[in-house]
Amino acid sequence: MYCCEQMSDLSDRDLVRIGPMHSLGDGRILTEIDTEYHLRFGEARPSYVGLNYCPFCGRALSRELWNREKKK
């Protein structure tokens, strides 16, 4: 489920949420990237930023990029 150990650590600290965009109802989504990986910022009403790539290992995380790389 995680592409690397660093991403797993962020998820353990609740700084990354993995799941469909509609499940992020406790905050606001700042990007419209088709991904299940979102960075979480803030405490009371968090903001979420979708990730195209893992910031640590560079793996494609968004569905659009993943499908594009898969077709190559």
N, C-alpha and C. Protein backbone atom coordinates (compact mmCIF):
# COMPACT_ATOMS: atom_id res chain seq x y z
N MET A 1 0.82 -1.19 0.00
CA MET A 1 0.00 0.00 0.00
C MET A 1 0.87 1.26 0.00
N TYR A 2 2.01 1.21 0.64
CA TYR A 2 2.91 2.36 0.65
C TYR A 2 4.05 2.11 -0.31
N CYS A 3 4.49 3.16 -0.97
CA CYS A 3 5.56 3.02 -1.95
C CYS A 3 6.94 2.99 -1.30
N CYS A 4 7.07 3.57 -0.11
CA CYS A 4 8.37 3.58 0.56
C CYS A 4 8.17 3.75 2.08
N GLU A 5 9.22 3.56 2.82
CA GLU A 5 9.15 3.63 4.28
C GLU A 5 8.82 5.05 4.77
N GLN A 6 9.34 6.06 4.09
CA GLN A 6 9.08 7.44 4.50
C GLN A 6 7.59 7.78 4.37
N MET A 7 6.95 7.30 3.31
CA MET A 7 5.51 7.55 3.13
C MET A 7 4.72 6.83 4.21
N SER A 8 5.15 5.64 4.58
CA SER A 8 4.50 4.90 5.66
C SER A 8 4.62 5.65 6.98
N ASP A 9 5.79 6.24 7.24
CA ASP A 9 5.99 7.02 8.46
C ASP A 9 5.07 8.24 8.50
N LEU A 10 4.91 8.94 7.37
CA LEU A 10 4.00 10.09 7.32
C LEU A 10 2.56 9.67 7.59
N SER A 11 2.18 8.52 7.07
CA SER A 11 0.83 8.02 7.30
C SER A 11 0.62 7.67 8.78
N ASP A 12 1.63 7.08 9.40
CA ASP A 12 1.55 6.75 10.82
C ASP A 12 1.37 8.00 11.68
N ARG A 13 1.95 9.12 11.25
CA ARG A 13 1.84 10.39 11.99
C ARG A 13 0.63 11.21 11.54
N ASP A 14 -0.23 10.62 10.69
CA ASP A 14 -1.44 11.25 10.18
C ASP A 14 -1.16 12.53 9.39
N LEU A 15 -0.02 12.54 8.68
CA LEU A 15 0.31 13.66 7.81
C LEU A 15 -0.02 13.35 6.35
N VAL A 16 -0.28 12.09 6.06
CA VAL A 16 -0.73 11.65 4.74
C VAL A 16 -1.96 10.79 4.93
N ARG A 17 -2.98 11.06 4.16
CA ARG A 17 -4.19 10.24 4.16
C ARG A 17 -4.24 9.49 2.85
N ILE A 18 -4.53 8.21 2.94
CA ILE A 18 -4.65 7.38 1.75
C ILE A 18 -6.08 6.87 1.69
N GLY A 19 -6.76 7.22 0.62
CA GLY A 19 -8.13 6.81 0.44
C GLY A 19 -8.79 7.69 -0.61
N PRO A 20 -10.01 7.36 -0.99
CA PRO A 20 -10.70 8.16 -2.01
C PRO A 20 -10.96 9.59 -1.54
N MET A 21 -11.00 10.48 -2.51
CA MET A 21 -11.15 11.91 -2.21
C MET A 21 -12.45 12.19 -1.44
N HIS A 22 -13.52 11.47 -1.71
CA HIS A 22 -14.79 11.75 -1.03
C HIS A 22 -14.77 11.38 0.46
N SER A 23 -13.75 10.64 0.90
CA SER A 23 -13.65 10.28 2.32
C SER A 23 -12.96 11.35 3.16
N LEU A 24 -12.52 12.43 2.53
CA LEU A 24 -11.82 13.50 3.24
C LEU A 24 -12.81 14.60 3.62
N GLY A 25 -13.84 14.25 4.34
CA GLY A 25 -14.91 15.19 4.66
C GLY A 25 -14.63 16.11 5.82
N ASP A 26 -13.53 15.92 6.53
CA ASP A 26 -13.26 16.73 7.72
C ASP A 26 -12.45 17.99 7.41
N GLY A 27 -12.17 18.25 6.14
CA GLY A 27 -11.37 19.42 5.79
C GLY A 27 -11.69 19.88 4.38
N ARG A 28 -10.75 20.61 3.78
CA ARG A 28 -10.97 21.06 2.40
C ARG A 28 -9.84 20.57 1.52
N ILE A 29 -10.18 20.26 0.29
CA ILE A 29 -9.23 19.74 -0.68
C ILE A 29 -8.77 20.90 -1.55
N LEU A 30 -7.47 21.12 -1.60
CA LEU A 30 -6.92 22.27 -2.30
C LEU A 30 -6.58 21.98 -3.76
N THR A 31 -6.43 20.72 -4.12
CA THR A 31 -6.11 20.35 -5.51
C THR A 31 -7.14 19.35 -6.02
N GLU A 32 -7.25 19.25 -7.33
CA GLU A 32 -8.19 18.31 -7.93
C GLU A 32 -7.45 17.20 -8.66
N ILE A 33 -6.39 16.70 -8.08
CA ILE A 33 -5.60 15.62 -8.67
C ILE A 33 -6.32 14.30 -8.40
N ASP A 34 -6.44 13.46 -9.41
CA ASP A 34 -7.11 12.17 -9.27
C ASP A 34 -6.15 11.18 -8.60
N THR A 35 -6.13 11.22 -7.27
CA THR A 35 -5.22 10.39 -6.50
C THR A 35 -5.88 9.99 -5.19
N GLU A 36 -5.33 8.97 -4.57
CA GLU A 36 -5.79 8.56 -3.24
C GLU A 36 -4.79 8.97 -2.16
N TYR A 37 -3.73 9.65 -2.54
CA TYR A 37 -2.69 10.08 -1.61
C TYR A 37 -2.77 11.59 -1.43
N HIS A 38 -3.01 12.03 -0.19
CA HIS A 38 -3.16 13.45 0.11
C HIS A 38 -2.33 13.83 1.32
N LEU A 39 -1.54 14.91 1.19
CA LEU A 39 -0.85 15.48 2.35
C LEU A 39 -1.88 16.23 3.17
N ARG A 40 -1.75 16.15 4.49
CA ARG A 40 -2.70 16.78 5.41
C ARG A 40 -2.00 17.91 6.16
N PHE A 41 -2.61 19.10 6.15
CA PHE A 41 -2.08 20.27 6.84
C PHE A 41 -3.13 20.83 7.78
N GLY A 42 -2.74 21.22 8.98
CA GLY A 42 -3.66 21.86 9.90
C GLY A 42 -4.23 20.89 10.91
N GLU A 43 -4.84 21.45 11.94
CA GLU A 43 -5.36 20.64 13.03
C GLU A 43 -6.89 20.60 13.06
N ALA A 44 -7.52 21.73 13.39
CA ALA A 44 -8.97 21.76 13.60
C ALA A 44 -9.73 21.45 12.31
N ARG A 45 -9.46 22.16 11.25
CA ARG A 45 -10.07 21.91 9.94
C ARG A 45 -8.92 21.79 8.94
N PRO A 46 -8.45 20.57 8.71
CA PRO A 46 -7.25 20.39 7.88
C PRO A 46 -7.50 20.67 6.40
N SER A 47 -6.42 20.96 5.70
CA SER A 47 -6.43 21.09 4.25
C SER A 47 -5.69 19.90 3.67
N TYR A 48 -6.10 19.49 2.48
CA TYR A 48 -5.49 18.34 1.82
C TYR A 48 -4.97 18.74 0.45
N VAL A 49 -3.79 18.24 0.12
CA VAL A 49 -3.17 18.47 -1.17
C VAL A 49 -2.88 17.12 -1.79
N GLY A 50 -3.43 16.87 -2.97
CA GLY A 50 -3.21 15.60 -3.67
C GLY A 50 -1.78 15.50 -4.18
N LEU A 51 -1.29 14.28 -4.26
CA LEU A 51 0.08 14.05 -4.71
C LEU A 51 0.09 13.31 -6.05
N ASN A 52 0.82 13.86 -7.02
CA ASN A 52 1.06 13.15 -8.27
C ASN A 52 2.16 12.11 -8.09
N TYR A 53 3.21 12.50 -7.38
CA TYR A 53 4.38 11.64 -7.17
C TYR A 53 4.72 11.60 -5.68
N CYS A 54 5.34 10.51 -5.26
CA CYS A 54 5.86 10.43 -3.90
C CYS A 54 7.03 11.40 -3.77
N PRO A 55 7.05 12.24 -2.75
CA PRO A 55 8.14 13.19 -2.60
C PRO A 55 9.46 12.54 -2.19
N PHE A 56 9.44 11.27 -1.84
CA PHE A 56 10.64 10.58 -1.37
C PHE A 56 11.24 9.66 -2.42
N CYS A 57 10.43 8.78 -3.00
CA CYS A 57 10.97 7.80 -3.95
C CYS A 57 10.64 8.13 -5.40
N GLY A 58 9.72 9.07 -5.64
CA GLY A 58 9.39 9.50 -6.99
C GLY A 58 8.38 8.63 -7.72
N ARG A 59 7.80 7.65 -7.07
CA ARG A 59 6.81 6.78 -7.72
C ARG A 59 5.55 7.58 -8.06
N ALA A 60 4.95 7.29 -9.21
CA ALA A 60 3.70 7.93 -9.62
C ALA A 60 2.59 7.46 -8.69
N LEU A 61 1.84 8.40 -8.09
CA LEU A 61 0.77 8.08 -7.15
C LEU A 61 -0.61 8.38 -7.69
N SER A 62 -0.74 9.34 -8.58
CA SER A 62 -2.07 9.66 -9.09
C SER A 62 -2.48 8.61 -10.12
N ARG A 63 -3.77 8.37 -10.20
CA ARG A 63 -4.27 7.35 -11.13
C ARG A 63 -3.96 7.69 -12.58
N GLU A 64 -4.09 8.95 -12.94
CA GLU A 64 -3.82 9.36 -14.32
C GLU A 64 -2.37 9.08 -14.70
N LEU A 65 -1.43 9.48 -13.86
CA LEU A 65 -0.01 9.25 -14.17
C LEU A 65 0.33 7.76 -14.11
N TRP A 66 -0.25 7.06 -13.16
CA TRP A 66 0.03 5.63 -13.03
C TRP A 66 -0.45 4.88 -14.27
N ASN A 67 -1.65 5.21 -14.75
CA ASN A 67 -2.17 4.57 -15.97
C ASN A 67 -1.33 4.93 -17.19
N ARG A 68 -0.87 6.17 -17.26
CA ARG A 68 -0.05 6.61 -18.39
C ARG A 68 1.28 5.85 -18.40
N GLU A 69 1.91 5.69 -17.24
CA GLU A 69 3.18 4.96 -17.16
C GLU A 69 2.98 3.47 -17.41
N LYS A 70 1.84 2.94 -17.02
CA LYS A 70 1.54 1.52 -17.22
C LYS A 70 1.40 1.19 -18.71
N LYS A 71 0.87 2.13 -19.51
CA LYS A 71 0.65 1.91 -20.94
C LYS A 71 1.95 1.95 -21.75
N LYS A 72 3.02 2.49 -21.19
CA LYS A 72 4.29 2.61 -21.94
C LYS A 72 4.87 1.26 -22.27
